[in-house]
Amino acid sequence: MLVLGPVLRHVGETTAQIWVQTEGPATVRVLGCEARTFEVQGHHFALVGVTGLSPDSRTPYEVHVDGEQVWPLPNTPFPASLIRTRGAECDGTNRIIFGSCRYAKVADPKLSAKLGIDALDAYAARMVGRDPGEWPDALLLLGDQVYADELTPMNRRRIAGRRDRHPDWPDDEIVDFGEYVGLYRDSWSDPEIRWLLSTVPTAMIFDDHDIRDDWNTSKPWRDEMRATSWWRDRIRGGLASYWVFQHLGNLAPDELAADRDWARIRAAEGDAWPLLVELADRADAETDGAKGVRFSFRWDLGRSRFVMIDSRNGRILEDGQHLMLGDSEFDWIEGAVHAPGAVDHLVLGTSLPWLLPHAIGELQTVNEIAASRPGWRGKVGEAIRQGADLEHWAAFRESFDRLTAMIERAAGSGVASVNVLSGDVHHSYAARADLEAEPPAAVHQLTCSPVHNHVEWFVKPGFRLGWSRFTRRLTERWSERAGAPAKTVDWERLAGPLFGNTIATLDISGRHAEVFFEQPTSASALAERARLELTAPVAVEVAP
């Protein structure tokens, strides 16, 4: 029996990765290619590597478990799930949809009304009636696919009913692997979402709520969590489930073949949980090198290169360091960005925006300086840092500057555009970056959040104030007086801030690119809110 999936993950010119969860140990077959399931604490998963596909093709597929067809479901109202490979004819075009912060659907009417219409669900419903040629080439989920610390009523009832739950564990948060399995099942079982994930290649990265709010904000935050009796179980469950549900499918076939953890877990007899515990402990350790686990990854989509940056687990916070990424992982990202190959568009994905509203970015840099001071001033700065979520790229200034320098080099390498896709901040916007070296390529920050979540009342005035010119001037002076170095990038907001559930689309055709943001008006309809061209000259059109 198929419990969850299929989820279509990395797709190449002749290959595809399809992820499934089954009820028990089984052999899973797709298009003549097979994989045995692996077990984690009584749950069973498989990643089927499909090979022998034709370039630039559309291939319907079925899923068989132990010889029985389990997908598509009987009497399904959805079109056939397709694997659409790339080829020479489509190398210059890409349609990428993206967003972050997606809360699962809920049955409670009041909470459902508060959360609003799921933008990804509405997008899937609209896809059903369109030609597959109009479907997106990739879906990029930029963090907070599940909320382990903000539970639905169903989540609460489920964990409250467990007789084996440790009494020290918090009763309003997910802790172990089995509880995470329930979260993913809630999030991916919605019929429209399940069908969309089966037919659109999907790349994923986590943000804080996939583990816990403010995850890895600072060393004091880590120390506080480590002091609890339950955190070790939580971080193991969170990172192990992320590896199984999200990370595995991000890898191309050659990367999977070279991955030692995947080889060990696939070859394990019986429960692979001890191997995942060891993996999670390595991933959580403050290790900058080969012994750690790299969650950043790269996809090449024709003449577009996509590099996803892990801006959560990759942080280095021990021994006085304060880095968004360690040197070895940043070296890998710089190598992935500048790897050989014909590239017209570079797309960087990071759950946290590179360029925030100006005043908020300056505030974060000032706070980083304050929180690093000894004594009571540093403690006050740290309390503000955690209380106000001041832990984006601007709050890791050394890493911000290195990212900016990398983007500047890339923008001068002959590409037509560099676009940084992000989420997290519960409003959507597009900003054009002006870099000191004035490279020829257009550079933009494109932020889409939330896909399905409630926006608190204070978010709208807070971010509008953060974008205002007056507060920008004040905070820039404050930052200068605090001793922050001058930035080598300036930026101008072109669209937004847009509030409410939103899905964004990056359309690429040749050396031209544009982005548009859409918000659901019903369960099956979206209204375009803003469209921007991303290759000079930049034009902005805001639709009613």
Protein backbone atom coordinates (compact mmCIF):
# COMPACT_ATOMS: atom_id res chain seq x y z
CA MET A 1 0.00 0.00 0.00
CA LEU A 2 1.16 3.53 -0.79
CA VAL A 3 1.07 5.74 2.30
CA LEU A 4 2.48 8.95 0.79
CA GLY A 5 3.74 10.10 -2.57
CA PRO A 6 4.78 9.68 -5.24
CA VAL A 7 6.88 12.83 -5.10
CA LEU A 8 8.82 13.69 -8.27
CA ARG A 9 12.19 15.11 -7.29
CA HIS A 10 15.35 15.68 -9.36
CA VAL A 11 14.81 15.23 -13.11
CA GLY A 12 17.59 15.22 -15.71
CA GLU A 13 17.65 14.68 -19.45
CA THR A 14 17.21 10.91 -19.15
CA THR A 15 16.68 10.30 -15.40
CA ALA A 16 14.22 11.03 -12.61
CA GLN A 17 14.02 10.39 -8.87
CA ILE A 18 10.65 9.38 -7.40
CA TRP A 19 10.13 9.21 -3.63
CA VAL A 20 7.42 7.16 -1.90
CA GLN A 21 6.39 5.97 1.55
CA THR A 22 4.81 2.51 1.77
CA GLU A 23 2.90 0.66 4.47
CA GLY A 24 5.53 -2.09 4.83
CA PRO A 25 8.73 -3.44 3.30
CA ALA A 26 8.27 -3.74 -0.44
CA THR A 27 9.72 -3.44 -3.91
CA VAL A 28 8.61 -0.27 -5.69
CA ARG A 29 8.61 -0.15 -9.49
CA VAL A 30 8.25 2.84 -11.82
CA LEU A 31 8.64 2.55 -15.62
CA GLY A 32 10.53 -0.73 -15.29
CA CYS A 33 12.97 0.58 -12.66
CA GLU A 34 12.86 -0.86 -9.13
CA ALA A 35 14.00 -0.02 -5.62
CA ARG A 36 13.61 -1.79 -2.30
CA THR A 37 12.27 0.20 0.62
CA PHE A 38 14.40 1.06 3.64
CA GLU A 39 13.02 1.11 7.17
CA VAL A 40 13.17 3.86 9.81
CA GLN A 41 11.46 3.13 13.14
CA GLY A 42 8.79 0.98 11.49
CA HIS A 43 8.19 3.39 8.58
CA HIS A 44 9.16 2.39 5.05
CA PHE A 45 10.48 4.59 2.23
CA ALA A 46 11.92 4.19 -1.25
CA LEU A 47 13.64 6.43 -3.76
CA VAL A 48 13.27 4.99 -7.24
CA GLY A 49 15.89 6.08 -9.76
CA VAL A 50 14.20 6.04 -13.15
CA THR A 51 16.62 5.76 -16.07
CA GLY A 52 16.43 5.36 -19.84
CA LEU A 53 14.07 8.26 -20.45
CA SER A 54 14.26 10.21 -23.70
CA PRO A 55 15.46 13.83 -23.61
CA ASP A 56 12.78 16.49 -24.08
CA SER A 57 9.95 14.01 -23.50
CA ARG A 58 6.73 13.67 -21.54
CA THR A 59 6.26 10.22 -20.04
CA PRO A 60 3.17 9.23 -18.01
CA TYR A 61 4.02 6.87 -15.20
CA GLU A 62 2.45 4.50 -12.71
CA VAL A 63 3.74 3.27 -9.36
CA HIS A 64 3.64 -0.43 -8.49
CA VAL A 65 4.28 -1.80 -4.99
CA ASP A 66 5.05 -5.53 -4.96
CA GLY A 67 3.49 -5.81 -8.39
CA GLU A 68 0.25 -4.01 -7.50
CA GLN A 69 -0.56 -0.68 -9.13
CA VAL A 70 -1.03 1.93 -6.39
CA TRP A 71 -0.73 5.15 -8.43
CA PRO A 72 -2.64 6.80 -9.97
CA LEU A 73 -5.42 6.33 -7.47
CA PRO A 74 -8.71 4.79 -8.67
CA ASN A 75 -11.24 7.27 -10.13
CA THR A 76 -8.78 10.14 -9.82
CA PRO A 77 -9.99 13.51 -11.16
CA PHE A 78 -6.43 14.56 -11.99
CA PRO A 79 -4.48 14.16 -15.25
CA ALA A 80 -1.79 11.50 -15.50
CA SER A 81 1.39 12.20 -13.57
CA LEU A 82 4.18 12.98 -16.02
CA ILE A 83 7.96 12.96 -16.02
CA ARG A 84 9.00 15.79 -18.33
CA THR A 85 12.69 15.61 -19.19
CA ARG A 86 14.78 18.42 -20.62
CA GLY A 87 16.50 18.56 -23.98
CA ALA A 88 18.14 20.91 -26.42
CA GLU A 89 14.82 22.40 -27.59
CA CYS A 90 13.85 23.58 -24.09
CA ASP A 91 17.28 24.55 -22.74
CA GLY A 92 16.47 28.26 -22.96
CA THR A 93 13.12 28.18 -21.18
CA ASN A 94 12.16 27.59 -17.57
CA ARG A 95 9.08 28.21 -15.49
CA ILE A 96 9.90 27.96 -11.80
CA ILE A 97 7.32 28.45 -9.07
CA PHE A 98 8.51 29.16 -5.54
CA GLY A 99 7.47 30.18 -2.06
CA SER A 100 7.82 29.31 1.61
CA CYS A 101 5.91 28.98 4.87
CA ARG A 102 3.15 26.51 4.09
CA TYR A 103 0.93 25.37 6.95
CA ALA A 104 -1.01 22.16 6.37
CA LYS A 105 -4.75 22.30 5.70
CA VAL A 106 -6.89 22.09 8.81
CA ALA A 107 -10.43 20.88 9.46
CA ASP A 108 -11.21 23.48 12.14
CA PRO A 109 -13.36 26.16 10.43
CA LYS A 110 -12.05 29.10 12.49
CA LEU A 111 -8.40 28.23 12.00
CA SER A 112 -9.00 27.48 8.32
CA ALA A 113 -10.56 30.91 7.82
CA LYS A 114 -7.65 32.51 9.66
CA LEU A 115 -5.08 30.77 7.47
CA GLY A 116 -6.89 31.59 4.23
CA ILE A 117 -6.67 29.76 0.90
CA ASP A 118 -3.53 27.73 0.24
CA ALA A 119 -1.84 29.41 -2.75
CA LEU A 120 -0.06 26.21 -3.82
CA ASP A 121 -3.30 24.25 -3.62
CA ALA A 122 -5.04 26.85 -5.80
CA TYR A 123 -2.13 26.73 -8.26
CA ALA A 124 -2.46 22.94 -8.51
CA ALA A 125 -6.21 23.20 -9.08
CA ARG A 126 -5.60 25.67 -11.92
CA MET A 127 -2.94 23.39 -13.46
CA VAL A 128 -5.48 20.59 -13.88
CA GLY A 129 -7.26 22.43 -16.67
CA ARG A 130 -4.14 23.57 -18.50
CA ASP A 131 -1.96 21.95 -21.12
CA PRO A 132 1.12 20.25 -19.63
CA GLY A 133 3.23 22.59 -21.76
CA GLU A 134 2.12 25.38 -19.41
CA TRP A 135 2.97 23.48 -16.24
CA PRO A 136 6.01 24.64 -14.26
CA ASP A 137 9.37 22.99 -14.85
CA ALA A 138 10.23 23.06 -11.14
CA LEU A 139 8.79 23.87 -7.74
CA LEU A 140 11.18 25.36 -5.18
CA LEU A 141 10.00 25.09 -1.58
CA LEU A 142 12.12 27.56 0.38
CA GLY A 143 11.53 26.52 3.96
CA ASP A 144 8.91 25.81 6.61
CA GLN A 145 7.30 22.91 4.77
CA VAL A 146 6.15 21.69 8.18
CA TYR A 147 5.67 23.47 11.51
CA ALA A 148 7.07 21.33 14.30
CA ASP A 149 6.43 24.03 16.91
CA GLU A 150 3.03 25.36 15.77
CA LEU A 151 0.71 22.39 15.72
CA THR A 152 -2.69 21.92 14.18
CA PRO A 153 -5.47 20.61 16.44
CA MET A 154 -5.09 17.22 14.73
CA ASN A 155 -1.34 17.20 15.52
CA ARG A 156 -2.06 17.93 19.17
CA ARG A 157 -4.63 15.15 19.43
CA ARG A 158 -2.26 12.71 17.74
CA ILE A 159 0.67 13.27 20.09
CA ALA A 160 -1.62 13.49 23.14
CA GLY A 161 -2.88 10.00 22.34
CA ARG A 162 0.59 8.43 22.47
CA ARG A 163 1.05 6.26 25.55
CA ASP A 164 4.80 5.92 25.00
CA ARG A 165 5.50 9.67 24.90
CA HIS A 166 8.19 10.78 27.35
CA PRO A 167 6.75 12.94 30.17
CA ASP A 168 9.55 15.52 29.77
CA TRP A 169 8.69 16.23 26.14
CA PRO A 170 6.71 19.46 25.45
CA ASP A 171 3.04 18.71 24.86
CA ASP A 172 2.66 21.39 22.18
CA GLU A 173 5.62 20.52 19.93
CA ILE A 174 6.76 17.62 17.75
CA VAL A 175 9.80 15.76 19.09
CA ASP A 176 10.67 12.37 17.59
CA PHE A 177 10.88 10.89 14.09
CA GLY A 178 7.48 9.22 14.23
CA GLU A 179 5.78 12.50 15.10
CA TYR A 180 7.55 14.18 12.18
CA VAL A 181 6.24 11.44 9.87
CA GLY A 182 2.73 12.54 10.88
CA LEU A 183 3.53 16.17 10.07
CA TYR A 184 4.71 15.36 6.55
CA ARG A 185 1.71 13.13 5.95
CA ASP A 186 -0.62 15.98 6.92
CA SER A 187 1.21 18.42 4.65
CA TRP A 188 1.58 16.21 1.55
CA SER A 189 -1.69 14.21 1.61
CA ASP A 190 -3.99 16.99 0.36
CA PRO A 191 -5.23 15.65 -3.03
CA GLU A 192 -4.25 18.70 -5.12
CA ILE A 193 -0.84 19.01 -3.45
CA ARG A 194 -0.20 15.27 -3.75
CA TRP A 195 -0.91 15.33 -7.47
CA LEU A 196 1.20 18.47 -8.04
CA LEU A 197 4.16 16.92 -6.20
CA SER A 198 3.80 13.79 -8.35
CA THR A 199 4.24 15.68 -11.61
CA VAL A 200 6.36 18.81 -10.96
CA PRO A 201 10.07 18.27 -10.10
CA THR A 202 10.45 19.66 -6.58
CA ALA A 203 13.52 20.97 -4.77
CA MET A 204 13.36 21.66 -1.02
CA ILE A 205 15.31 23.31 1.78
CA PHE A 206 14.41 23.82 5.43
CA ASP A 207 14.02 26.90 7.59
CA ASP A 208 13.59 27.26 11.33
CA HIS A 209 10.03 25.97 11.85
CA ASP A 210 10.93 22.66 10.17
CA ILE A 211 12.92 22.19 13.39
CA ARG A 212 12.01 24.98 15.85
CA ASP A 213 11.48 28.76 15.80
CA ASP A 214 14.82 30.67 15.75
CA TRP A 215 16.77 27.45 15.11
CA ASN A 216 20.51 28.23 15.27
CA THR A 217 19.98 31.94 15.88
CA SER A 218 23.09 32.12 18.08
CA LYS A 219 25.35 30.18 20.42
CA PRO A 220 23.27 31.19 23.49
CA TRP A 221 20.18 29.83 21.73
CA ARG A 222 21.95 26.53 21.03
CA ASP A 223 23.20 26.32 24.62
CA GLU A 224 19.70 26.93 25.96
CA MET A 225 18.23 24.17 23.79
CA ARG A 226 20.98 21.70 24.63
CA ALA A 227 20.25 22.19 28.32
CA THR A 228 16.72 20.81 27.95
CA SER A 229 15.99 17.12 28.49
CA TRP A 230 14.26 16.72 25.11
CA TRP A 231 16.30 18.71 22.57
CA ARG A 232 18.59 15.83 21.60
CA ASP A 233 15.56 13.74 20.63
CA ARG A 234 14.08 16.72 18.77
CA ILE A 235 17.13 17.60 16.67
CA ARG A 236 17.69 13.95 15.79
CA GLY A 237 14.06 13.48 14.78
CA GLY A 238 13.99 16.75 12.83
CA LEU A 239 17.24 16.27 10.90
CA ALA A 240 16.66 12.57 10.23
CA SER A 241 13.15 13.21 8.90
CA TYR A 242 14.41 16.13 6.81
CA TRP A 243 17.05 13.88 5.25
CA VAL A 244 14.45 11.20 4.44
CA PHE A 245 11.55 13.38 3.28
CA GLN A 246 13.28 16.41 1.76
CA HIS A 247 17.03 16.08 1.20
CA LEU A 248 17.38 12.73 -0.58
CA GLY A 249 15.40 13.80 -3.62
CA ASN A 250 17.42 16.99 -4.04
CA LEU A 251 20.42 14.99 -5.20
CA ALA A 252 21.19 14.14 -8.83
CA PRO A 253 21.95 10.46 -9.62
CA ASP A 254 25.73 10.94 -9.63
CA GLU A 255 25.60 12.70 -6.25
CA LEU A 256 23.41 9.94 -4.80
CA ALA A 257 25.81 7.30 -6.07
CA ALA A 258 28.68 9.06 -4.29
CA ASP A 259 26.78 9.68 -1.04
CA ARG A 260 28.16 7.40 1.68
CA ASP A 261 25.18 7.89 3.99
CA TRP A 262 22.73 6.87 1.28
CA ALA A 263 24.79 3.76 0.47
CA ARG A 264 24.90 2.69 4.13
CA ILE A 265 21.18 3.27 4.77
CA ARG A 266 20.08 1.58 1.55
CA ALA A 267 22.21 -1.46 2.42
CA ALA A 268 21.06 -1.65 6.06
CA GLU A 269 19.22 -4.75 7.18
CA GLY A 270 16.28 -3.87 9.41
CA ASP A 271 15.85 -0.49 11.06
CA ALA A 272 18.23 2.18 9.71
CA TRP A 273 17.47 4.51 12.63
CA PRO A 274 20.90 4.11 14.31
CA LEU A 275 22.57 5.22 11.06
CA LEU A 276 20.28 8.24 10.82
CA VAL A 277 21.04 9.14 14.45
CA GLU A 278 24.74 9.19 13.63
CA LEU A 279 24.04 11.28 10.51
CA ALA A 280 21.88 13.74 12.46
CA ASP A 281 24.53 14.13 15.15
CA ARG A 282 27.14 14.94 12.50
CA ALA A 283 24.79 17.39 10.81
CA ASP A 284 24.04 19.18 14.08
CA ALA A 285 27.67 19.36 15.19
CA GLU A 286 29.61 22.60 14.71
CA THR A 287 31.71 20.97 11.99
CA ASP A 288 33.04 22.80 8.97
CA GLY A 289 34.49 20.09 6.83
CA ALA A 290 34.12 16.63 5.36
CA LYS A 291 32.80 15.06 8.57
CA GLY A 292 29.69 17.24 8.52
CA VAL A 293 26.65 16.93 6.27
CA ARG A 294 26.13 19.37 3.39
CA PHE A 295 22.50 20.16 2.64
CA SER A 296 23.22 22.84 -0.01
CA PHE A 297 22.84 21.51 -3.56
CA ARG A 298 22.81 22.46 -7.23
CA TRP A 299 20.46 21.79 -10.15
CA ASP A 300 21.21 22.69 -13.76
CA LEU A 301 17.98 23.36 -15.66
CA GLY A 302 19.05 23.83 -19.27
CA ARG A 303 20.93 27.12 -19.45
CA SER A 304 19.76 28.14 -15.98
CA ARG A 305 21.76 27.16 -12.91
CA PHE A 306 20.04 26.81 -9.56
CA VAL A 307 22.07 26.67 -6.34
CA MET A 308 20.21 26.15 -3.05
CA ILE A 309 22.00 27.48 0.03
CA ASP A 310 21.47 25.95 3.47
CA SER A 311 21.25 29.07 5.62
CA ARG A 312 20.05 27.25 8.77
CA ASN A 313 21.92 24.06 9.61
CA GLY A 314 25.15 25.25 8.01
CA ARG A 315 25.74 28.01 10.58
CA ILE A 316 28.98 28.11 12.59
CA LEU A 317 28.41 29.67 16.02
CA GLU A 318 30.99 28.12 18.36
CA ASP A 319 34.35 29.54 19.50
CA GLY A 320 33.37 33.14 18.88
CA GLN A 321 32.49 32.52 15.22
CA HIS A 322 29.33 33.97 13.76
CA LEU A 323 28.90 32.64 10.24
CA MET A 324 25.84 31.77 8.19
CA LEU A 325 27.96 29.06 6.55
CA GLY A 326 31.34 27.56 7.30
CA ASP A 327 34.22 28.19 4.94
CA SER A 328 34.16 24.74 3.36
CA GLU A 329 30.44 24.90 2.53
CA PHE A 330 30.77 28.46 1.23
CA ASP A 331 33.71 27.29 -0.91
CA TRP A 332 31.46 24.55 -2.33
CA ILE A 333 28.69 27.07 -3.11
CA GLU A 334 31.13 29.43 -4.85
CA GLY A 335 32.42 26.49 -6.88
CA ALA A 336 28.87 25.44 -7.80
CA VAL A 337 28.01 28.99 -8.89
CA HIS A 338 31.09 29.31 -11.07
CA ALA A 339 31.26 25.71 -12.35
CA PRO A 340 31.92 25.29 -16.08
CA GLY A 341 28.97 25.29 -18.41
CA ALA A 342 26.87 27.64 -20.50
CA VAL A 343 24.65 29.62 -18.13
CA ASP A 344 22.28 32.46 -19.01
CA HIS A 345 20.59 32.80 -15.61
CA LEU A 346 21.86 32.09 -12.12
CA VAL A 347 19.18 31.40 -9.52
CA LEU A 348 20.19 31.26 -5.85
CA GLY A 349 17.79 29.85 -3.28
CA THR A 350 18.08 30.69 0.40
CA SER A 351 15.25 30.45 2.90
CA LEU A 352 16.29 33.82 4.40
CA PRO A 353 16.36 36.93 2.18
CA TRP A 354 19.73 38.36 1.22
CA LEU A 355 18.23 41.87 0.90
CA LEU A 356 15.65 42.85 3.52
CA PRO A 357 13.74 46.10 3.93
CA HIS A 358 16.59 48.59 4.44
CA ALA A 359 15.78 49.64 8.00
CA ILE A 360 15.36 46.04 9.17
CA GLY A 361 18.63 45.00 7.57
CA GLU A 362 20.51 47.84 9.27
CA LEU A 363 18.86 47.01 12.59
CA GLN A 364 20.03 43.41 12.30
CA THR A 365 23.63 44.47 11.64
CA VAL A 366 23.59 46.85 14.62
CA ASN A 367 22.15 44.11 16.80
CA GLU A 368 24.88 41.66 15.76
CA ILE A 369 27.47 44.14 17.00
CA ALA A 370 25.56 44.71 20.26
CA ALA A 371 24.97 41.01 20.98
CA SER A 372 28.69 40.31 20.54
CA ARG A 373 29.67 42.66 23.37
CA PRO A 374 30.55 41.31 26.82
CA GLY A 375 28.47 41.90 29.93
CA TRP A 376 24.92 43.10 30.27
CA ARG A 377 24.94 44.98 26.95
CA GLY A 378 25.60 41.76 25.09
CA LYS A 379 22.86 39.96 27.04
CA VAL A 380 20.35 42.68 26.19
CA GLY A 381 21.41 42.52 22.53
CA GLU A 382 21.02 38.74 22.52
CA ALA A 383 17.54 38.96 24.10
CA ILE A 384 16.49 41.41 21.39
CA ARG A 385 18.04 39.20 18.71
CA GLN A 386 15.99 36.21 19.76
CA GLY A 387 12.81 38.11 20.60
CA ALA A 388 12.68 40.02 17.31
CA ASP A 389 14.04 37.24 15.04
CA LEU A 390 17.09 39.32 14.03
CA GLU A 391 19.02 36.49 12.41
CA HIS A 392 18.93 36.93 8.64
CA TRP A 393 21.93 37.44 6.34
CA ALA A 394 22.36 41.05 7.49
CA ALA A 395 22.78 39.76 11.07
CA PHE A 396 25.70 37.60 9.91
CA ARG A 397 27.56 40.49 8.35
CA GLU A 398 30.74 38.63 7.37
CA SER A 399 28.66 36.05 5.50
CA PHE A 400 26.45 38.78 3.98
CA ASP A 401 29.51 40.48 2.54
CA ARG A 402 30.88 37.21 1.15
CA LEU A 403 27.54 36.38 -0.47
CA THR A 404 27.39 39.87 -1.97
CA ALA A 405 30.90 39.51 -3.41
CA MET A 406 30.01 36.12 -4.91
CA ILE A 407 26.87 37.55 -6.53
CA GLU A 408 28.84 40.50 -7.89
CA ARG A 409 31.38 38.17 -9.52
CA ALA A 410 28.60 36.02 -10.97
CA ALA A 411 26.81 39.07 -12.37
CA GLY A 412 29.97 39.98 -14.25
CA SER A 413 30.53 36.50 -15.69
CA GLY A 414 28.33 36.87 -18.77
CA VAL A 415 24.96 35.77 -17.36
CA ALA A 416 21.84 37.80 -18.15
CA SER A 417 20.50 37.79 -14.59
CA VAL A 418 21.16 36.70 -11.04
CA ASN A 419 18.04 36.15 -8.96
CA VAL A 420 18.01 35.35 -5.25
CA LEU A 421 14.80 33.53 -4.25
CA SER A 422 13.79 33.56 -0.58
CA GLY A 423 10.88 33.34 1.84
CA ASP A 424 10.48 33.44 5.65
CA VAL A 425 9.44 37.05 6.25
CA HIS A 426 5.65 36.75 5.69
CA HIS A 427 5.48 39.33 2.95
CA SER A 428 6.41 39.20 -0.72
CA TYR A 429 8.46 41.69 -2.70
CA ALA A 430 10.99 42.19 -5.48
CA ALA A 431 14.04 44.43 -5.18
CA ARG A 432 16.72 45.35 -7.71
CA ALA A 433 20.28 45.31 -6.42
CA ASP A 434 22.83 47.94 -7.45
CA LEU A 435 26.32 46.57 -6.87
CA GLU A 436 29.47 48.63 -6.43
CA ALA A 437 31.22 47.19 -9.50
CA GLU A 438 28.13 47.80 -11.68
CA PRO A 439 28.17 44.41 -13.43
CA PRO A 440 26.18 44.11 -16.67
CA ALA A 441 23.71 41.47 -15.45
CA ALA A 442 20.49 42.37 -13.65
CA VAL A 443 20.48 41.27 -9.99
CA HIS A 444 17.28 40.90 -7.95
CA GLN A 445 16.02 39.73 -4.58
CA LEU A 446 12.70 37.92 -5.03
CA THR A 447 10.87 36.99 -1.83
CA CYS A 448 7.62 35.00 -1.60
CA SER A 449 6.07 34.25 1.80
CA PRO A 450 3.75 32.84 3.01
CA VAL A 451 2.22 30.22 0.74
CA HIS A 452 -0.33 29.29 3.41
CA ASN A 453 -0.16 30.94 6.80
CA HIS A 454 -1.63 33.73 8.86
CA VAL A 455 0.06 37.13 8.76
CA GLU A 456 -0.02 38.74 12.19
CA TRP A 457 -1.50 42.25 12.47
CA PHE A 458 1.84 43.93 13.28
CA VAL A 459 3.65 42.54 10.23
CA LYS A 460 2.09 44.95 7.73
CA PRO A 461 2.91 48.24 9.48
CA GLY A 462 6.29 46.85 10.57
CA PHE A 463 7.48 46.00 7.08
CA ARG A 464 5.98 49.10 5.49
CA LEU A 465 7.92 51.13 8.03
CA GLY A 466 11.02 49.05 7.30
CA TRP A 467 10.80 49.98 3.61
CA SER A 468 10.28 53.71 4.22
CA ARG A 469 13.00 56.18 3.20
CA PHE A 470 12.83 58.03 6.51
CA THR A 471 13.55 54.97 8.66
CA ARG A 472 16.22 53.91 6.19
CA ARG A 473 18.12 57.16 6.68
CA LEU A 474 17.84 56.92 10.46
CA THR A 475 19.01 53.31 10.68
CA GLU A 476 21.87 53.83 8.22
CA ARG A 477 23.24 56.60 10.44
CA TRP A 478 22.77 54.39 13.50
CA SER A 479 24.59 51.51 11.80
CA GLU A 480 27.48 53.78 10.82
CA ARG A 481 27.85 55.10 14.37
CA ALA A 482 27.78 51.53 15.73
CA GLY A 483 30.85 50.74 13.63
CA ALA A 484 29.30 48.65 10.86
CA PRO A 485 31.29 48.74 7.60
CA ALA A 486 29.65 50.27 4.55
CA LYS A 487 27.78 47.83 2.32
CA THR A 488 28.91 47.29 -1.27
CA VAL A 489 25.33 46.89 -2.47
CA ASP A 490 22.30 49.15 -2.56
CA TRP A 491 18.80 48.09 -3.55
CA GLU A 492 15.49 49.49 -4.68
CA ARG A 493 12.12 47.89 -4.05
CA LEU A 494 10.26 47.36 -7.33
CA ALA A 495 7.13 45.52 -6.19
CA GLY A 496 5.46 44.90 -2.86
CA PRO A 497 5.20 44.56 -0.05
CA LEU A 498 2.39 42.09 -0.77
CA PHE A 499 0.71 40.50 2.25
CA GLY A 500 -1.26 37.27 2.35
CA ASN A 501 -0.89 33.82 0.80
CA THR A 502 1.17 34.07 -2.38
CA ILE A 503 2.90 31.91 -4.99
CA ALA A 504 5.57 33.40 -7.26
CA THR A 505 6.64 32.36 -10.76
CA LEU A 506 10.02 33.00 -12.36
CA ASP A 507 9.63 32.75 -16.15
CA ILE A 508 12.81 32.43 -18.20
CA SER A 509 12.96 32.55 -21.99
CA GLY A 510 16.37 32.82 -23.61
CA ARG A 511 18.17 35.69 -21.93
CA HIS A 512 14.93 37.29 -20.80
CA ALA A 513 13.34 36.66 -17.43
CA GLU A 514 10.39 37.99 -15.47
CA VAL A 515 8.69 37.25 -12.19
CA PHE A 516 5.08 37.56 -11.13
CA PHE A 517 3.31 37.10 -7.82
CA GLU A 518 -0.19 35.64 -7.53
CA GLN A 519 -2.63 35.36 -4.65
CA PRO A 520 -5.63 32.99 -4.45
CA THR A 521 -9.08 34.45 -4.92
CA SER A 522 -10.75 31.02 -4.59
CA ALA A 523 -9.71 27.42 -4.13
CA SER A 524 -9.02 27.13 -7.86
CA ALA A 525 -8.21 30.68 -9.00
CA LEU A 526 -5.28 33.04 -8.62
CA ALA A 527 -5.08 36.75 -9.40
CA GLU A 528 -1.83 38.15 -10.69
CA ARG A 529 -0.68 40.99 -8.46
CA ALA A 530 2.66 42.19 -9.85
CA ARG A 531 4.85 41.44 -12.87
CA LEU A 532 8.45 42.51 -13.31
CA GLU A 533 10.95 42.08 -16.11
CA LEU A 534 14.28 40.96 -14.69
CA THR A 535 16.52 41.87 -17.59
CA ALA A 536 17.19 45.54 -18.18
CA PRO A 537 15.31 47.75 -18.68
CA VAL A 538 13.15 46.91 -15.68
CA ALA A 539 9.45 47.64 -15.96
CA VAL A 540 6.89 47.17 -13.21
CA GLU A 541 3.21 46.56 -13.78
CA VAL A 542 0.86 46.04 -10.85
CA ALA A 543 -2.38 44.38 -11.87
CA PRO A 544 -5.59 45.06 -9.96
